[in-house]
Every structure is written in structure tokens, then in C-alpha cells.
Amino acid sequence: MAFQIKSDRKETETKSIRFPLDLIEKIENVIKGNDVTFTGFVIQACEYALDNMDVN
């Protein structure tokens, strides 16, 4: 299944992480015009990765 951006609001906890500047730029370009925040995109991308990874 392909990754699709969706608007989603959930209860959250703050975590600080660092992103490479080029990755931030790519994400910001992808989310333009979509009803999703940077944080929302990162959460969805992590959920997608976890749901689609091979676990040994």
C-alpha cells in the first residue's frame, strides 16, 4: 500500500528530535497544500514504516 497523507489529530506527548535540513525541506515541500502539519506527517510516516517493516 502506498503512503498517503491524511489529516489526523490525536492526544500527544512532546519529544525532541533533530532532522537533517534537506529532509525538513523535502517534507515541507510534500505537505504544502495538504491539511497536515510537519508533526502530523512525521507521525504518519513513522506509523507507515512500523506497519510495513519486516519484524524478525
PDB file of N, CA and C in Angstrom:
ATOM      1  N   MET A   1       0.847  -1.177   0.000  1.00  0.00           N
ATOM      2  CA  MET A   1       0.000   0.000   0.000  1.00  0.00           C
ATOM      3  C   MET A   1       0.895   1.244   0.000  1.00  0.00           C
ATOM      4  N   ALA A   2       0.575   2.214  -0.797  1.00  0.00           N
ATOM      5  CA  ALA A   2       1.351   3.447  -0.870  1.00  0.00           C
ATOM      6  C   ALA A   2       1.034   4.349   0.319  1.00  0.00           C
ATOM      7  N   PHE A   3       2.013   5.120   0.734  1.00  0.00           N
ATOM      8  CA  PHE A   3       1.838   6.081   1.820  1.00  0.00           C
ATOM      9  C   PHE A   3       0.960   7.220   1.345  1.00  0.00           C
ATOM     10  N   GLN A   4      -0.078   7.552   2.124  1.00  0.00           N
ATOM     11  CA  GLN A   4      -0.968   8.651   1.790  1.00  0.00           C
ATOM     12  C   GLN A   4      -1.060   9.600   2.972  1.00  0.00           C
ATOM     13  N   ILE A   5      -0.951  10.904   2.716  1.00  0.00           N
ATOM     14  CA  ILE A   5      -1.045  11.910   3.764  1.00  0.00           C
ATOM     15  C   ILE A   5      -2.506  12.108   4.122  1.00  0.00           C
ATOM     16  N   LYS A   6      -2.811  12.128   5.439  1.00  0.00           N
ATOM     17  CA  LYS A   6      -4.172  12.362   5.883  1.00  0.00           C
ATOM     18  C   LYS A   6      -4.166  13.302   7.074  1.00  0.00           C
ATOM     19  N   SER A   7      -5.237  14.051   7.235  1.00  0.00           N
ATOM     20  CA  SER A   7      -5.394  14.934   8.377  1.00  0.00           C
ATOM     21  C   SER A   7      -5.794  14.082   9.574  1.00  0.00           C
ATOM     22  N   ASP A   8      -5.087  14.245  10.705  1.00  0.00           N
ATOM     23  CA  ASP A   8      -5.370  13.417  11.867  1.00  0.00           C
ATOM     24  C   ASP A   8      -4.886  14.117  13.128  1.00  0.00           C
ATOM     25  N   ARG A   9      -5.757  14.225  14.107  1.00  0.00           N
ATOM     26  CA  ARG A   9      -5.397  14.836  15.383  1.00  0.00           C
ATOM     27  C   ARG A   9      -5.580  13.800  16.495  1.00  0.00           C
ATOM     28  N   LYS A  10      -4.559  13.615  17.344  1.00  0.00           N
ATOM     29  CA  LYS A  10      -4.600  12.657  18.441  1.00  0.00           C
ATOM     30  C   LYS A  10      -3.975  13.277  19.676  1.00  0.00           C
ATOM     31  N   GLU A  11      -4.218  12.652  20.838  1.00  0.00           N
ATOM     32  CA  GLU A  11      -3.542  13.060  22.063  1.00  0.00           C
ATOM     33  C   GLU A  11      -2.045  12.819  21.864  1.00  0.00           C
ATOM     34  N   THR A  12      -1.211  13.734  22.326  1.00  0.00           N
ATOM     35  CA  THR A  12       0.216  13.642  22.033  1.00  0.00           C
ATOM     36  C   THR A  12       1.084  13.886  23.259  1.00  0.00           C
ATOM     37  N   GLU A  13       2.358  13.570  23.109  1.00  0.00           N
ATOM     38  CA  GLU A  13       3.403  13.879  24.075  1.00  0.00           C
ATOM     39  C   GLU A  13       4.562  14.472  23.288  1.00  0.00           C
ATOM     40  N   THR A  14       5.225  15.451  23.839  1.00  0.00           N
ATOM     41  CA  THR A  14       6.318  16.119  23.140  1.00  0.00           C
ATOM     42  C   THR A  14       7.610  15.313  23.252  1.00  0.00           C
ATOM     43  N   LYS A  15       8.265  15.118  22.094  1.00  0.00           N
ATOM     44  CA  LYS A  15       9.592  14.512  22.008  1.00  0.00           C
ATOM     45  C   LYS A  15      10.424  15.401  21.098  1.00  0.00           C
ATOM     46  N   SER A  16      11.652  15.653  21.457  1.00  0.00           N
ATOM     47  CA  SER A  16      12.538  16.475  20.624  1.00  0.00           C
ATOM     48  C   SER A  16      13.447  15.568  19.806  1.00  0.00           C
ATOM     49  N   ILE A  17      13.450  15.781  18.485  1.00  0.00           N
ATOM     50  CA  ILE A  17      14.347  15.044  17.601  1.00  0.00           C
ATOM     51  C   ILE A  17      14.964  16.019  16.607  1.00  0.00           C
ATOM     52  N   ARG A  18      16.087  15.647  16.053  1.00  0.00           N
ATOM     53  CA  ARG A  18      16.768  16.500  15.073  1.00  0.00           C
ATOM     54  C   ARG A  18      16.625  15.884  13.689  1.00  0.00           C
ATOM     55  N   PHE A  19      16.375  16.740  12.703  1.00  0.00           N
ATOM     56  CA  PHE A  19      16.237  16.312  11.313  1.00  0.00           C
ATOM     57  C   PHE A  19      17.313  16.972  10.476  1.00  0.00           C
ATOM     58  N   PRO A  20      17.857  16.255   9.497  1.00  0.00           N
ATOM     59  CA  PRO A  20      18.755  16.903   8.538  1.00  0.00           C
ATOM     60  C   PRO A  20      17.978  17.982   7.778  1.00  0.00           C
ATOM     61  N   LEU A  21      18.630  19.099   7.494  1.00  0.00           N
ATOM     62  CA  LEU A  21      17.958  20.219   6.844  1.00  0.00           C
ATOM     63  C   LEU A  21      17.345  19.833   5.503  1.00  0.00           C
ATOM     64  N   ASP A  22      18.027  18.975   4.739  1.00  0.00           N
ATOM     65  CA  ASP A  22      17.486  18.588   3.437  1.00  0.00           C
ATOM     66  C   ASP A  22      16.209  17.754   3.600  1.00  0.00           C
ATOM     67  N   LEU A  23      16.109  16.966   4.657  1.00  0.00           N
ATOM     68  CA  LEU A  23      14.896  16.192   4.906  1.00  0.00           C
ATOM     69  C   LEU A  23      13.744  17.106   5.308  1.00  0.00           C
ATOM     70  N   ILE A  24      14.016  18.106   6.123  1.00  0.00           N
ATOM     71  CA  ILE A  24      12.989  19.082   6.501  1.00  0.00           C
ATOM     72  C   ILE A  24      12.433  19.757   5.259  1.00  0.00           C
ATOM     73  N   GLU A  25      13.311  20.168   4.360  1.00  0.00           N
ATOM     74  CA  GLU A  25      12.886  20.837   3.130  1.00  0.00           C
ATOM     75  C   GLU A  25      12.002  19.917   2.281  1.00  0.00           C
ATOM     76  N   LYS A  26      12.393  18.657   2.151  1.00  0.00           N
ATOM     77  CA  LYS A  26      11.593  17.702   1.367  1.00  0.00           C
ATOM     78  C   LYS A  26      10.215  17.508   1.980  1.00  0.00           C
ATOM     79  N   ILE A  27      10.161  17.357   3.299  1.00  0.00           N
ATOM     80  CA  ILE A  27       8.872  17.168   3.971  1.00  0.00           C
ATOM     81  C   ILE A  27       8.003  18.402   3.808  1.00  0.00           C
ATOM     82  N   GLU A  28       8.561  19.579   4.019  1.00  0.00           N
ATOM     83  CA  GLU A  28       7.786  20.817   3.883  1.00  0.00           C
ATOM     84  C   GLU A  28       7.235  20.975   2.474  1.00  0.00           C
ATOM     85  N   ASN A  29       8.002  20.579   1.462  1.00  0.00           N
ATOM     86  CA  ASN A  29       7.515  20.653   0.082  1.00  0.00           C
ATOM     87  C   ASN A  29       6.361  19.687  -0.160  1.00  0.00           C
ATOM     88  N   VAL A  30       6.430  18.503   0.438  1.00  0.00           N
ATOM     89  CA  VAL A  30       5.387  17.493   0.251  1.00  0.00           C
ATOM     90  C   VAL A  30       4.081  17.889   0.948  1.00  0.00           C
ATOM     91  N   ILE A  31       4.168  18.516   2.110  1.00  0.00           N
ATOM     92  CA  ILE A  31       2.942  18.815   2.866  1.00  0.00           C
ATOM     93  C   ILE A  31       2.265  20.116   2.437  1.00  0.00           C
ATOM     94  N   LYS A  32       2.932  20.915   1.599  1.00  0.00           N
ATOM     95  CA  LYS A  32       2.293  22.148   1.106  1.00  0.00           C
ATOM     96  C   LYS A  32       0.975  21.811   0.436  1.00  0.00           C
ATOM     97  N   GLY A  33      -0.079  22.535   0.803  1.00  0.00           N
ATOM     98  CA  GLY A  33      -1.381  22.338   0.173  1.00  0.00           C
ATOM     99  C   GLY A  33      -2.170  21.174   0.751  1.00  0.00           C
ATOM    100  N   ASN A  34      -1.593  20.449   1.697  1.00  0.00           N
ATOM    101  CA  ASN A  34      -2.309  19.370   2.375  1.00  0.00           C
ATOM    102  C   ASN A  34      -2.676  19.842   3.780  1.00  0.00           C
ATOM    103  N   ASP A  35      -3.744  19.319   4.310  1.00  0.00           N
ATOM    104  CA  ASP A  35      -4.192  19.692   5.650  1.00  0.00           C
ATOM    105  C   ASP A  35      -3.456  18.841   6.677  1.00  0.00           C
ATOM    106  N   VAL A  36      -2.128  19.026   6.748  1.00  0.00           N
ATOM    107  CA  VAL A  36      -1.315  18.262   7.688  1.00  0.00           C
ATOM    108  C   VAL A  36      -0.125  19.116   8.119  1.00  0.00           C
ATOM    109  N   THR A  37       0.223  18.999   9.384  1.00  0.00           N
ATOM    110  CA  THR A  37       1.386  19.711   9.908  1.00  0.00           C
ATOM    111  C   THR A  37       2.635  18.865   9.696  1.00  0.00           C
ATOM    112  N   PHE A  38       3.779  19.471   9.928  1.00  0.00           N
ATOM    113  CA  PHE A  38       5.043  18.739   9.858  1.00  0.00           C
ATOM    114  C   PHE A  38       5.004  17.557  10.820  1.00  0.00           C
ATOM    115  N   THR A  39       4.569  17.822  12.046  1.00  0.00           N
ATOM    116  CA  THR A  39       4.474  16.765  13.053  1.00  0.00           C
ATOM    117  C   THR A  39       3.517  15.665  12.613  1.00  0.00           C
ATOM    118  N   GLY A  40       2.367  16.058  12.078  1.00  0.00           N
ATOM    119  CA  GLY A  40       1.395  15.071  11.610  1.00  0.00           C
ATOM    120  C   GLY A  40       1.972  14.177  10.529  1.00  0.00           C
ATOM    121  N   PHE A  41       2.720  14.769   9.624  1.00  0.00           N
ATOM    122  CA  PHE A  41       3.358  13.984   8.568  1.00  0.00           C
ATOM    123  C   PHE A  41       4.360  12.995   9.150  1.00  0.00           C
ATOM    124  N   VAL A  42       5.200  13.456  10.074  1.00  0.00           N
ATOM    125  CA  VAL A  42       6.220  12.592  10.664  1.00  0.00           C
ATOM    126  C   VAL A  42       5.565  11.428  11.409  1.00  0.00           C
ATOM    127  N   ILE A  43       4.496  11.697  12.148  1.00  0.00           N
ATOM    128  CA  ILE A  43       3.780  10.635  12.855  1.00  0.00           C
ATOM    129  C   ILE A  43       3.231   9.614  11.868  1.00  0.00           C
ATOM    130  N   GLN A  44       2.597  10.090  10.794  1.00  0.00           N
ATOM    131  CA  GLN A  44       2.045   9.182   9.789  1.00  0.00           C
ATOM    132  C   GLN A  44       3.143   8.371   9.108  1.00  0.00           C
ATOM    133  N   ALA A  45       4.269   9.003   8.822  1.00  0.00           N
ATOM    134  CA  ALA A  45       5.377   8.297   8.183  1.00  0.00           C
ATOM    135  C   ALA A  45       5.938   7.216   9.111  1.00  0.00           C
ATOM    136  N   CYS A  46       6.048   7.522  10.399  1.00  0.00           N
ATOM    137  CA  CYS A  46       6.529   6.526  11.366  1.00  0.00           C
ATOM    138  C   CYS A  46       5.540   5.371  11.491  1.00  0.00           C
ATOM    139  N   GLU A  47       4.237   5.682  11.559  1.00  0.00           N
ATOM    140  CA  GLU A  47       3.229   4.623  11.636  1.00  0.00           C
ATOM    141  C   GLU A  47       3.275   3.734  10.400  1.00  0.00           C
ATOM    142  N   TYR A  48       3.414   4.348   9.245  1.00  0.00           N
ATOM    143  CA  TYR A  48       3.507   3.590   7.993  1.00  0.00           C
ATOM    144  C   TYR A  48       4.726   2.676   8.012  1.00  0.00           C
ATOM    145  N   ALA A  49       5.875   3.216   8.426  1.00  0.00           N
ATOM    146  CA  ALA A  49       7.109   2.428   8.482  1.00  0.00           C
ATOM    147  C   ALA A  49       6.948   1.247   9.436  1.00  0.00           C
ATOM    148  N   LEU A  50       6.372   1.488  10.609  1.00  0.00           N
ATOM    149  CA  LEU A  50       6.196   0.411  11.587  1.00  0.00           C
ATOM    150  C   LEU A  50       5.223  -0.659  11.080  1.00  0.00           C
ATOM    151  N   ASP A  51       4.154  -0.242  10.421  1.00  0.00           N
ATOM    152  CA  ASP A  51       3.160  -1.173   9.907  1.00  0.00           C
ATOM    153  C   ASP A  51       3.681  -2.006   8.723  1.00  0.00           C
ATOM    154  N   ASN A  52       4.707  -1.503   8.042  1.00  0.00           N
ATOM    155  CA  ASN A  52       5.166  -2.157   6.814  1.00  0.00           C
ATOM    156  C   ASN A  52       6.584  -2.701   6.884  1.00  0.00           C
ATOM    157  N   MET A  53       7.154  -2.756   8.067  1.00  0.00           N
ATOM    158  CA  MET A  53       8.512  -3.293   8.182  1.00  0.00           C
ATOM    159  C   MET A  53       8.477  -4.776   8.495  1.00  0.00           C
ATOM    160  N   ASP A  54       9.521  -5.464   8.071  1.00  0.00           N
ATOM    161  CA  ASP A  54       9.677  -6.867   8.390  1.00  0.00           C
ATOM    162  C   ASP A  54      10.239  -6.988   9.791  1.00  0.00           C
ATOM    163  N   VAL A  55       9.533  -7.700  10.640  1.00  0.00           N
ATOM    164  CA  VAL A  55       9.991  -7.908  12.013  1.00  0.00           C
ATOM    165  C   VAL A  55      10.476  -9.331  12.148  1.00  0.00           C
ATOM    166  N   ASN A  56      11.684  -9.507  12.641  1.00  0.00           N
ATOM    167  CA  ASN A  56      12.267 -10.851  12.779  1.00  0.00           C
ATOM    168  C   ASN A  56      11.760 -11.555  14.012  1.00  0.00           C
TER     169      ASN A  56
END
